Amino acid sequence: MDTSESTTGSGTASESEAPDGDRSVRAGWRRWAMDTRPLRRPAFRRLWSSTIVTAVGSQLTAVAVPKQIYDITDSSAWVGYASLAGLLPLAVFALWGGAIADRMDRRKLLLLTNAGLAVTSVLFWVQALVGLDSVLVLIVLLALQQAFFGLNSPARSASIARLVPPEELPAANALGSTVMQTGLVAGPLLAGTLIPVIGLSALYLIDALALCVTVWAVFRLPALPPTAAAVGRAGWQAIAEGFRYIALHKVLLLSFVADIIAMVFGMPRALFPQLAAQTYASYGEGLALGLLFAAIPIGAVLGGLLSGTFSRARRHGLMVIAAVIAWGAAITGLGLTSSLWVAVAFLAAAGVADMVSMVFRGAILLSAATDEMRGRMQGVFTVVVAGGPRLADVLHGTAGSALGTRTAIAGGGLLVIAATLVLAMVTPALREYRI
């Protein structure tokens, strides 16, 4: 019997006594609402529950670091330099962390890296509390934090396939992605509210305490040792094996390519400040900027809450293609409108499409790769997800300056649609992939 329909004895009795109309309404809502079957798995539930806390806590630090750097330097350029300084350790340690995750017990690796993240947050708190006011110290701590995150993320994502069955992977990814996107909305809003009340340094301390919850949740997970097929050291040779594995398994490579197309051509966040100051200035620059940045995460959260509409789909590759095309169409609409509210609607629609894409790209990585390679696949995934938007910032910033914001955005959206259609036509491996 499908586990999504199992109930307790009393629940079954009450449902059998309910009128047919009431039962059909509840069944209809279950088909639309988020698929929560993975939460019936105790180990996954522990891991996911800890994410609820850290999703908000991590965003407090994500706001506090650039705010503190700007307060010290009075320069947005330094904020940008700090972001780039964190990219290199994230990329290097995500690739290495993926190899390590395939060679050691993933539970132990999660314990070590989450503890490292917690210690780093404590160090952030100490430097802010004593008023050190050193940009160099902040950049070093940011690089250390990103290194720990790079080691942590592949192990965390790769562990999901050991905690839920294959048919529940899309639902598990939807649950995790929804929580993370909710953190992207709630975290910055909470940070803006708390800074005047408790001070900037306290945000770091809250993040550290949230990470302690994660350490406890990971401690209660079952052991996740490497499989017998995982042999050798987690060095550069193992990383190279991961890239060769991607090249030999075309559907994995194509899932990365689809995300690169969507993000590099179709992520116009670098143009949001200019849009707010020029195109939507009549609405109020501050309001426009806040809405533009919040719209995609809000759409992603909405997509997650209604993920029951798509999470049971079996043609994962086709869902990725459709989602990326929908993303491109929404970004094209953004570039063509002069109304802020219509722009927000298009960005929210893009957020829904991005959620669908994330869910099924993640499911493909976990189902198409063998367990001894999943860590390395997730490491590459982390680099692609982190690097794509940064490349998009450079591309859209340059194109926006040369062609104008609306032309650059609409042109990028059309490029996403065209490139994805070509990818789907010439490479059947992705569009035909299913579980």
Protein backbone atom coordinates (compact mmCIF):
# COMPACT_ATOMS: atom_id res chain seq x y z
CA MET A 1 0.00 0.00 0.00
CA ASP A 2 1.20 3.54 -0.73
CA THR A 3 2.68 4.95 2.48
CA SER A 4 1.16 8.33 1.71
CA GLU A 5 -2.29 6.82 2.39
CA SER A 6 -1.43 5.00 5.62
CA THR A 7 -3.04 6.30 8.79
CA THR A 8 -3.48 5.33 12.40
CA GLY A 9 -6.36 3.12 13.34
CA SER A 10 -8.42 5.94 14.78
CA GLY A 11 -7.71 8.11 11.73
CA THR A 12 -8.91 5.38 9.42
CA ALA A 13 -12.09 4.93 11.38
CA SER A 14 -12.92 8.61 11.44
CA GLU A 15 -12.23 8.92 7.74
CA SER A 16 -14.49 5.98 6.94
CA GLU A 17 -17.27 7.66 8.88
CA ALA A 18 -16.82 10.99 7.10
CA PRO A 19 -19.14 11.91 4.23
CA ASP A 20 -17.89 11.06 0.76
CA GLY A 21 -17.66 14.76 -0.11
CA ASP A 22 -15.41 15.50 2.87
CA ARG A 23 -13.10 12.58 2.01
CA SER A 24 -12.80 13.70 -1.61
CA VAL A 25 -11.97 17.28 -0.54
CA ARG A 26 -9.22 16.03 1.80
CA ALA A 27 -7.86 13.73 -0.90
CA GLY A 28 -7.83 16.64 -3.33
CA TRP A 29 -5.87 18.82 -0.92
CA ARG A 30 -3.35 16.01 -0.33
CA ARG A 31 -2.71 15.81 -4.07
CA TRP A 32 -2.03 19.55 -4.24
CA ALA A 33 -0.25 20.19 -0.96
CA MET A 34 3.35 19.35 -0.14
CA ASP A 35 4.14 15.65 -0.18
CA THR A 36 5.20 14.89 3.40
CA ARG A 37 5.79 11.14 3.07
CA PRO A 38 9.56 11.49 3.76
CA LEU A 39 8.80 13.00 7.17
CA ARG A 40 7.46 9.61 8.24
CA ARG A 41 11.08 8.39 8.11
CA PRO A 42 12.51 9.26 11.57
CA ALA A 43 16.09 9.81 10.38
CA PHE A 44 15.08 12.13 7.55
CA ARG A 45 12.69 13.95 9.86
CA ARG A 46 15.52 14.69 12.29
CA LEU A 47 17.76 15.99 9.52
CA TRP A 48 14.99 18.10 7.99
CA SER A 49 13.82 19.50 11.34
CA SER A 50 17.30 20.81 12.08
CA THR A 51 17.27 22.59 8.72
CA ILE A 52 14.26 24.65 9.82
CA VAL A 53 16.39 26.25 12.54
CA THR A 54 19.62 26.71 10.59
CA ALA A 55 17.87 28.03 7.44
CA VAL A 56 16.98 31.18 9.34
CA GLY A 57 20.12 31.27 11.48
CA SER A 58 22.47 31.08 8.49
CA GLN A 59 20.68 34.00 6.85
CA LEU A 60 21.23 36.11 9.96
CA THR A 61 24.97 35.69 9.42
CA ALA A 62 24.56 36.22 5.67
CA VAL A 63 23.07 39.65 6.46
CA ALA A 64 25.39 40.50 9.35
CA VAL A 65 28.69 39.97 7.49
CA PRO A 66 28.08 42.39 4.57
CA LYS A 67 26.41 44.86 6.96
CA GLN A 68 29.44 44.85 9.24
CA ILE A 69 31.86 45.17 6.32
CA TYR A 70 29.90 48.11 4.92
CA ASP A 71 29.77 49.76 8.35
CA ILE A 72 33.56 49.49 8.63
CA THR A 73 34.47 50.56 5.07
CA ASP A 74 31.44 52.56 3.88
CA SER A 75 32.08 50.80 0.55
CA SER A 76 29.89 48.39 -1.43
CA ALA A 77 32.98 47.36 -3.38
CA TRP A 78 34.43 45.77 -0.25
CA VAL A 79 31.18 43.88 0.24
CA GLY A 80 31.58 42.49 -3.28
CA TYR A 81 35.25 41.61 -2.70
CA ALA A 82 34.29 39.68 0.42
CA SER A 83 31.69 37.69 -1.52
CA LEU A 84 34.26 36.73 -4.13
CA ALA A 85 36.75 35.83 -1.38
CA GLY A 86 34.28 33.24 -0.13
CA LEU A 87 33.72 31.67 -3.57
CA LEU A 88 37.15 30.04 -3.98
CA PRO A 89 37.17 28.11 -0.67
CA LEU A 90 33.54 27.11 -1.28
CA ALA A 91 34.37 25.68 -4.70
CA VAL A 92 37.58 23.92 -3.64
CA PHE A 93 36.21 22.41 -0.45
CA ALA A 94 32.88 21.43 -2.01
CA LEU A 95 34.74 19.31 -4.60
CA TRP A 96 37.05 17.87 -1.94
CA GLY A 97 34.16 17.47 0.50
CA GLY A 98 32.26 15.44 -2.08
CA ALA A 99 35.20 13.06 -2.37
CA ILE A 100 35.48 12.78 1.41
CA ALA A 101 31.73 12.11 1.70
CA ASP A 102 32.20 9.08 -0.56
CA ARG A 103 35.06 7.73 1.55
CA MET A 104 33.96 8.14 5.19
CA ASP A 105 30.87 7.87 7.34
CA ARG A 106 28.72 10.82 6.24
CA ARG A 107 27.25 11.19 9.71
CA LYS A 108 30.73 11.75 11.18
CA LEU A 109 31.57 14.24 8.43
CA LEU A 110 28.34 16.15 9.12
CA LEU A 111 29.13 16.22 12.84
CA LEU A 112 32.62 17.61 12.25
CA THR A 113 31.60 20.23 9.69
CA ASN A 114 28.54 21.46 11.57
CA ALA A 115 30.67 21.80 14.68
CA GLY A 116 33.19 23.76 12.60
CA LEU A 117 30.44 26.06 11.33
CA ALA A 118 29.23 26.62 14.89
CA VAL A 119 32.74 27.52 16.08
CA THR A 120 33.14 29.91 13.15
CA SER A 121 29.87 31.64 14.08
CA VAL A 122 31.14 31.99 17.65
CA LEU A 123 34.33 33.62 16.30
CA PHE A 124 32.19 36.01 14.24
CA TRP A 125 30.32 36.88 17.43
CA VAL A 126 33.51 37.47 19.44
CA GLN A 127 35.09 39.80 16.87
CA ALA A 128 31.88 41.85 16.64
CA LEU A 129 31.41 41.91 20.43
CA VAL A 130 34.91 43.27 21.10
CA GLY A 131 34.64 45.80 18.25
CA LEU A 132 37.64 44.52 16.30
CA ASP A 133 36.49 46.33 13.12
CA SER A 134 38.87 44.41 10.85
CA VAL A 135 37.78 43.65 7.31
CA LEU A 136 40.67 41.21 6.95
CA VAL A 137 39.47 39.18 9.96
CA LEU A 138 35.93 39.15 8.56
CA ILE A 139 37.12 37.94 5.16
CA VAL A 140 39.27 35.20 6.75
CA LEU A 141 36.33 34.04 8.87
CA LEU A 142 34.02 34.16 5.85
CA ALA A 143 36.47 32.04 3.85
CA LEU A 144 36.67 29.56 6.76
CA GLN A 145 32.88 29.44 7.01
CA GLN A 146 32.52 28.79 3.27
CA ALA A 147 35.15 26.05 3.46
CA PHE A 148 33.20 24.26 6.18
CA PHE A 149 29.99 24.75 4.21
CA GLY A 150 31.67 23.30 1.12
CA LEU A 151 32.66 20.21 3.12
CA ASN A 152 29.22 19.93 4.71
CA SER A 153 26.82 20.42 1.80
CA PRO A 154 27.75 17.39 -0.37
CA ALA A 155 27.57 15.01 2.61
CA ARG A 156 24.23 16.40 3.71
CA SER A 157 22.63 16.16 0.27
CA ALA A 158 24.13 12.75 -0.53
CA SER A 159 22.81 11.34 2.77
CA ILE A 160 19.18 11.89 1.76
CA ALA A 161 19.24 8.93 -0.65
CA ARG A 162 20.16 6.68 2.30
CA LEU A 163 17.28 7.98 4.41
CA VAL A 164 14.32 7.81 1.99
CA PRO A 165 13.38 5.41 -0.86
CA PRO A 166 13.94 6.50 -4.50
CA GLU A 167 10.28 7.30 -5.17
CA GLU A 168 10.30 9.84 -2.32
CA LEU A 169 13.45 11.71 -3.41
CA PRO A 170 11.57 14.54 -5.20
CA ALA A 171 9.35 15.04 -2.15
CA ALA A 172 12.38 15.05 0.17
CA ASN A 173 14.14 17.63 -2.02
CA ALA A 174 10.99 19.76 -2.11
CA LEU A 175 10.78 19.71 1.69
CA GLY A 176 14.41 20.73 2.07
CA SER A 177 14.34 23.39 -0.64
CA THR A 178 11.15 24.93 0.75
CA VAL A 179 12.72 25.35 4.17
CA MET A 180 15.86 26.90 2.68
CA GLN A 181 13.85 29.32 0.54
CA THR A 182 11.73 30.25 3.54
CA GLY A 183 14.96 31.10 5.33
CA LEU A 184 15.93 33.38 2.44
CA VAL A 185 12.74 35.36 3.04
CA ALA A 186 12.41 35.22 6.83
CA GLY A 187 16.11 35.47 7.75
CA PRO A 188 16.85 38.90 6.22
CA LEU A 189 13.53 40.30 7.49
CA LEU A 190 14.29 39.03 10.99
CA ALA A 191 17.85 40.37 10.82
CA GLY A 192 16.62 43.83 9.84
CA THR A 193 14.23 43.77 12.79
CA LEU A 194 16.72 42.45 15.35
CA ILE A 195 19.80 44.58 14.58
CA PRO A 196 18.35 47.81 16.09
CA VAL A 197 17.05 45.85 19.11
CA ILE A 198 19.81 43.43 20.15
CA GLY A 199 22.73 44.57 18.00
CA LEU A 200 24.57 43.02 15.08
CA SER A 201 26.87 40.79 17.14
CA ALA A 202 23.92 38.87 18.59
CA LEU A 203 22.96 37.64 15.12
CA TYR A 204 26.18 35.60 14.97
CA LEU A 205 25.45 34.10 18.38
CA ILE A 206 21.92 33.08 17.34
CA ASP A 207 23.37 31.34 14.29
CA ALA A 208 25.86 29.49 16.49
CA LEU A 209 23.09 28.29 18.80
CA ALA A 210 21.02 27.17 15.81
CA LEU A 211 23.97 25.12 14.57
CA CYS A 212 24.14 23.39 17.94
CA VAL A 213 20.61 22.12 17.25
CA THR A 214 21.85 20.74 13.95
CA VAL A 215 24.79 18.99 15.62
CA TRP A 216 22.38 17.29 18.03
CA ALA A 217 20.06 16.23 15.19
CA VAL A 218 22.98 14.79 13.19
CA PHE A 219 24.28 12.99 16.29
CA ARG A 220 20.96 11.11 16.42
CA LEU A 221 21.19 9.94 12.80
CA PRO A 222 22.13 6.34 12.05
CA ALA A 223 25.65 5.59 10.87
CA LEU A 224 26.12 6.30 7.14
CA PRO A 225 29.33 4.40 6.30
CA PRO A 226 30.74 4.25 2.77
CA THR A 227 29.77 1.32 0.59
CA ALA A 228 32.16 -1.52 -0.17
CA ALA A 229 32.70 -0.03 -3.64
CA ALA A 230 34.15 3.17 -2.14
CA VAL A 231 37.90 2.56 -2.06
CA GLY A 232 40.99 4.73 -2.12
CA ARG A 233 41.84 8.12 -0.67
CA ALA A 234 39.73 11.28 -0.95
CA GLY A 235 42.36 13.17 -2.94
CA TRP A 236 42.53 14.87 -6.31
CA GLN A 237 42.40 11.50 -8.07
CA ALA A 238 39.03 10.84 -6.45
CA ILE A 239 37.81 14.27 -7.55
CA ALA A 240 38.99 13.56 -11.11
CA GLU A 241 37.11 10.25 -10.99
CA GLY A 242 33.98 12.24 -10.17
CA PHE A 243 34.35 14.40 -13.27
CA ARG A 244 34.99 11.32 -15.42
CA TYR A 245 31.85 9.77 -13.95
CA ILE A 246 29.84 12.83 -14.97
CA ALA A 247 31.25 12.66 -18.50
CA LEU A 248 30.29 8.99 -18.80
CA HIS A 249 26.77 9.49 -17.40
CA LYS A 250 25.26 11.99 -19.77
CA VAL A 251 22.08 12.64 -17.80
CA LEU A 252 24.14 13.96 -14.87
CA LEU A 253 26.15 16.25 -17.13
CA LEU A 254 23.00 17.53 -18.82
CA SER A 255 21.32 18.30 -15.49
CA PHE A 256 24.27 20.55 -14.64
CA VAL A 257 24.16 22.16 -18.09
CA ALA A 258 20.44 22.91 -17.72
CA ASP A 259 21.06 24.74 -14.45
CA ILE A 260 24.02 26.68 -15.89
CA ILE A 261 21.82 27.80 -18.81
CA ALA A 262 19.07 28.98 -16.46
CA MET A 263 21.35 30.80 -14.04
CA VAL A 264 24.01 32.33 -16.30
CA PHE A 265 21.60 33.61 -18.97
CA GLY A 266 18.54 34.16 -16.82
CA MET A 267 19.47 35.38 -13.31
CA PRO A 268 19.28 39.21 -13.50
CA ARG A 269 19.73 40.05 -9.81
CA ALA A 270 22.72 42.30 -10.59
CA LEU A 271 20.28 44.61 -12.38
CA PHE A 272 17.75 44.82 -9.54
CA PRO A 273 19.28 47.99 -8.01
CA GLN A 274 19.21 49.75 -11.38
CA LEU A 275 15.65 48.59 -12.05
CA ALA A 276 14.58 49.90 -8.66
CA ALA A 277 16.31 53.25 -9.17
CA GLN A 278 15.15 53.83 -12.76
CA THR A 279 12.38 51.64 -14.16
CA TYR A 280 10.35 51.36 -10.93
CA ALA A 281 11.47 54.59 -9.22
CA SER A 282 7.90 55.89 -9.10
CA TYR A 283 6.97 53.09 -6.68
CA GLY A 284 9.71 54.05 -4.25
CA GLU A 285 13.25 52.77 -4.69
CA GLY A 286 13.44 50.98 -1.35
CA LEU A 287 10.12 49.21 -1.79
CA ALA A 288 10.96 48.20 -5.34
CA LEU A 289 14.38 46.82 -4.41
CA GLY A 290 13.02 44.80 -1.50
CA LEU A 291 10.22 43.31 -3.58
CA LEU A 292 12.51 42.41 -6.47
CA PHE A 293 14.92 40.52 -4.21
CA ALA A 294 12.17 38.80 -2.21
CA ALA A 295 9.95 37.74 -5.11
CA ILE A 296 11.92 34.69 -6.34
CA PRO A 297 12.28 33.11 -2.85
CA ILE A 298 8.58 33.78 -2.15
CA GLY A 299 7.65 32.03 -5.39
CA ALA A 300 9.93 29.13 -4.51
CA VAL A 301 8.28 28.76 -1.10
CA LEU A 302 4.84 28.78 -2.76
CA GLY A 303 6.04 26.11 -5.20
CA GLY A 304 7.28 24.01 -2.31
CA LEU A 305 4.02 24.29 -0.40
CA LEU A 306 2.14 23.09 -3.49
CA SER A 307 4.76 20.53 -4.48
CA GLY A 308 2.25 17.72 -4.27
CA THR A 309 1.19 18.84 -7.74
CA PHE A 310 4.49 17.70 -9.25
CA SER A 311 6.68 15.77 -6.78
CA ARG A 312 5.23 12.38 -7.78
CA ALA A 313 6.12 12.85 -11.47
CA ARG A 314 8.36 10.08 -12.77
CA ARG A 315 9.77 11.78 -15.88
CA HIS A 316 12.37 13.75 -13.99
CA GLY A 317 14.34 14.90 -17.02
CA LEU A 318 11.29 16.29 -18.79
CA MET A 319 10.30 18.14 -15.61
CA VAL A 320 13.73 19.81 -15.49
CA ILE A 321 13.44 20.91 -19.13
CA ALA A 322 9.92 22.26 -18.64
CA ALA A 323 10.91 24.11 -15.46
CA VAL A 324 13.93 25.79 -17.07
CA ILE A 325 11.82 26.89 -20.06
CA ALA A 326 9.20 28.27 -17.66
CA TRP A 327 11.98 30.13 -15.83
CA GLY A 328 13.16 31.65 -19.11
CA ALA A 329 9.61 32.69 -20.04
CA ALA A 330 9.09 34.37 -16.66
CA ILE A 331 12.40 36.26 -16.91
CA THR A 332 11.48 37.37 -20.44
CA GLY A 333 8.20 38.73 -19.09
CA LEU A 334 10.13 40.59 -16.39
CA GLY A 335 12.19 42.34 -19.04
CA LEU A 336 9.10 43.39 -21.02
CA THR A 337 7.02 44.92 -18.21
CA SER A 338 7.15 48.43 -16.79
CA SER A 339 4.86 47.61 -13.85
CA LEU A 340 6.52 46.71 -10.57
CA TRP A 341 3.67 44.45 -9.47
CA VAL A 342 3.68 42.55 -12.76
CA ALA A 343 7.46 42.25 -12.46
CA VAL A 344 7.07 40.78 -8.96
CA ALA A 345 4.49 38.32 -10.31
CA PHE A 346 6.88 37.21 -13.07
CA LEU A 347 9.72 36.80 -10.57
CA ALA A 348 7.48 34.79 -8.24
CA ALA A 349 6.56 32.56 -11.19
CA ALA A 350 10.29 32.18 -11.87
CA GLY A 351 10.71 31.14 -8.24
CA VAL A 352 8.11 28.39 -8.65
CA ALA A 353 9.89 27.17 -11.79
CA ASP A 354 13.23 27.25 -9.97
CA MET A 355 11.79 25.13 -7.16
CA VAL A 356 10.58 22.50 -9.66
CA SER A 357 13.98 22.50 -11.35
CA MET A 358 15.83 22.15 -8.03
CA VAL A 359 13.62 19.29 -6.91
CA PHE A 360 14.12 17.16 -10.00
CA ARG A 361 17.76 18.03 -10.65
CA GLY A 362 18.45 16.95 -7.08
CA ALA A 363 16.45 13.77 -7.57
CA ILE A 364 18.35 12.95 -10.77
CA LEU A 365 21.69 13.38 -8.99
CA LEU A 366 20.64 11.10 -6.15
CA SER A 367 18.97 8.42 -8.29
CA ALA A 368 21.25 8.30 -11.34
CA ALA A 369 24.52 8.18 -9.38
CA THR A 370 25.67 5.20 -7.34
CA ASP A 371 26.11 5.77 -3.60
CA GLU A 372 29.90 5.74 -3.73
CA MET A 373 29.75 8.68 -6.22
CA ARG A 374 26.91 10.73 -4.71
CA GLY A 375 29.14 12.88 -2.53
CA ARG A 376 31.25 13.99 -5.47
CA MET A 377 28.16 14.65 -7.59
CA GLN A 378 26.76 16.84 -4.83
CA GLY A 379 30.10 18.63 -4.57
CA VAL A 380 29.95 19.58 -8.25
CA PHE A 381 26.30 20.53 -7.77
CA THR A 382 27.27 22.91 -4.96
CA VAL A 383 29.89 24.59 -7.15
CA VAL A 384 27.43 24.97 -10.05
CA VAL A 385 24.70 26.40 -7.82
CA ALA A 386 27.11 28.86 -6.18
CA GLY A 387 29.07 29.80 -9.29
CA GLY A 388 26.27 30.20 -11.85
CA PRO A 389 24.62 33.25 -10.26
CA ARG A 390 28.00 34.94 -9.76
CA LEU A 391 28.80 34.52 -13.46
CA ALA A 392 25.32 35.85 -14.19
CA ASP A 393 26.08 38.97 -12.13
CA VAL A 394 29.04 39.75 -14.39
CA LEU A 395 27.17 38.96 -17.63
CA HIS A 396 23.99 40.85 -16.79
CA GLY A 397 25.84 43.78 -15.29
CA THR A 398 27.88 44.15 -18.49
CA ALA A 399 24.91 43.59 -20.82
CA GLY A 400 22.71 45.93 -18.78
CA SER A 401 25.25 48.73 -19.05
CA ALA A 402 25.61 48.24 -22.81
CA LEU A 403 22.03 47.45 -23.86
CA GLY A 404 19.83 48.68 -21.03
CA THR A 405 18.31 46.65 -18.22
CA ARG A 406 15.06 45.59 -19.86
CA THR A 407 16.74 44.51 -23.10
CA ALA A 408 19.39 42.56 -21.22
CA ILE A 409 16.80 40.79 -19.03
CA ALA A 410 14.37 39.92 -21.83
CA GLY A 411 17.23 38.83 -24.09
CA GLY A 412 18.60 36.61 -21.34
CA GLY A 413 15.22 34.98 -20.83
CA LEU A 414 14.87 34.26 -24.53
CA LEU A 415 18.38 32.78 -24.58
CA VAL A 416 17.38 30.45 -21.74
CA ILE A 417 14.36 29.20 -23.72
CA ALA A 418 16.31 28.78 -26.97
CA ALA A 419 19.31 27.06 -25.40
CA THR A 420 17.11 24.68 -23.38
CA LEU A 421 15.06 23.70 -26.41
CA VAL A 422 18.25 22.97 -28.34
CA LEU A 423 19.58 20.95 -25.39
CA ALA A 424 16.37 18.93 -25.22
CA MET A 425 16.31 18.24 -28.97
CA VAL A 426 19.93 17.21 -29.46
CA THR A 427 20.37 15.24 -26.22
CA PRO A 428 17.52 12.78 -25.61
CA ALA A 429 19.19 11.38 -22.45
CA LEU A 430 17.79 14.17 -20.29
CA ARG A 431 14.28 14.43 -21.68
CA GLU A 432 13.84 10.64 -21.59
CA TYR A 433 15.19 10.10 -18.06
CA ARG A 434 12.64 8.73 -15.60
CA ILE A 435 12.52 6.56 -12.49
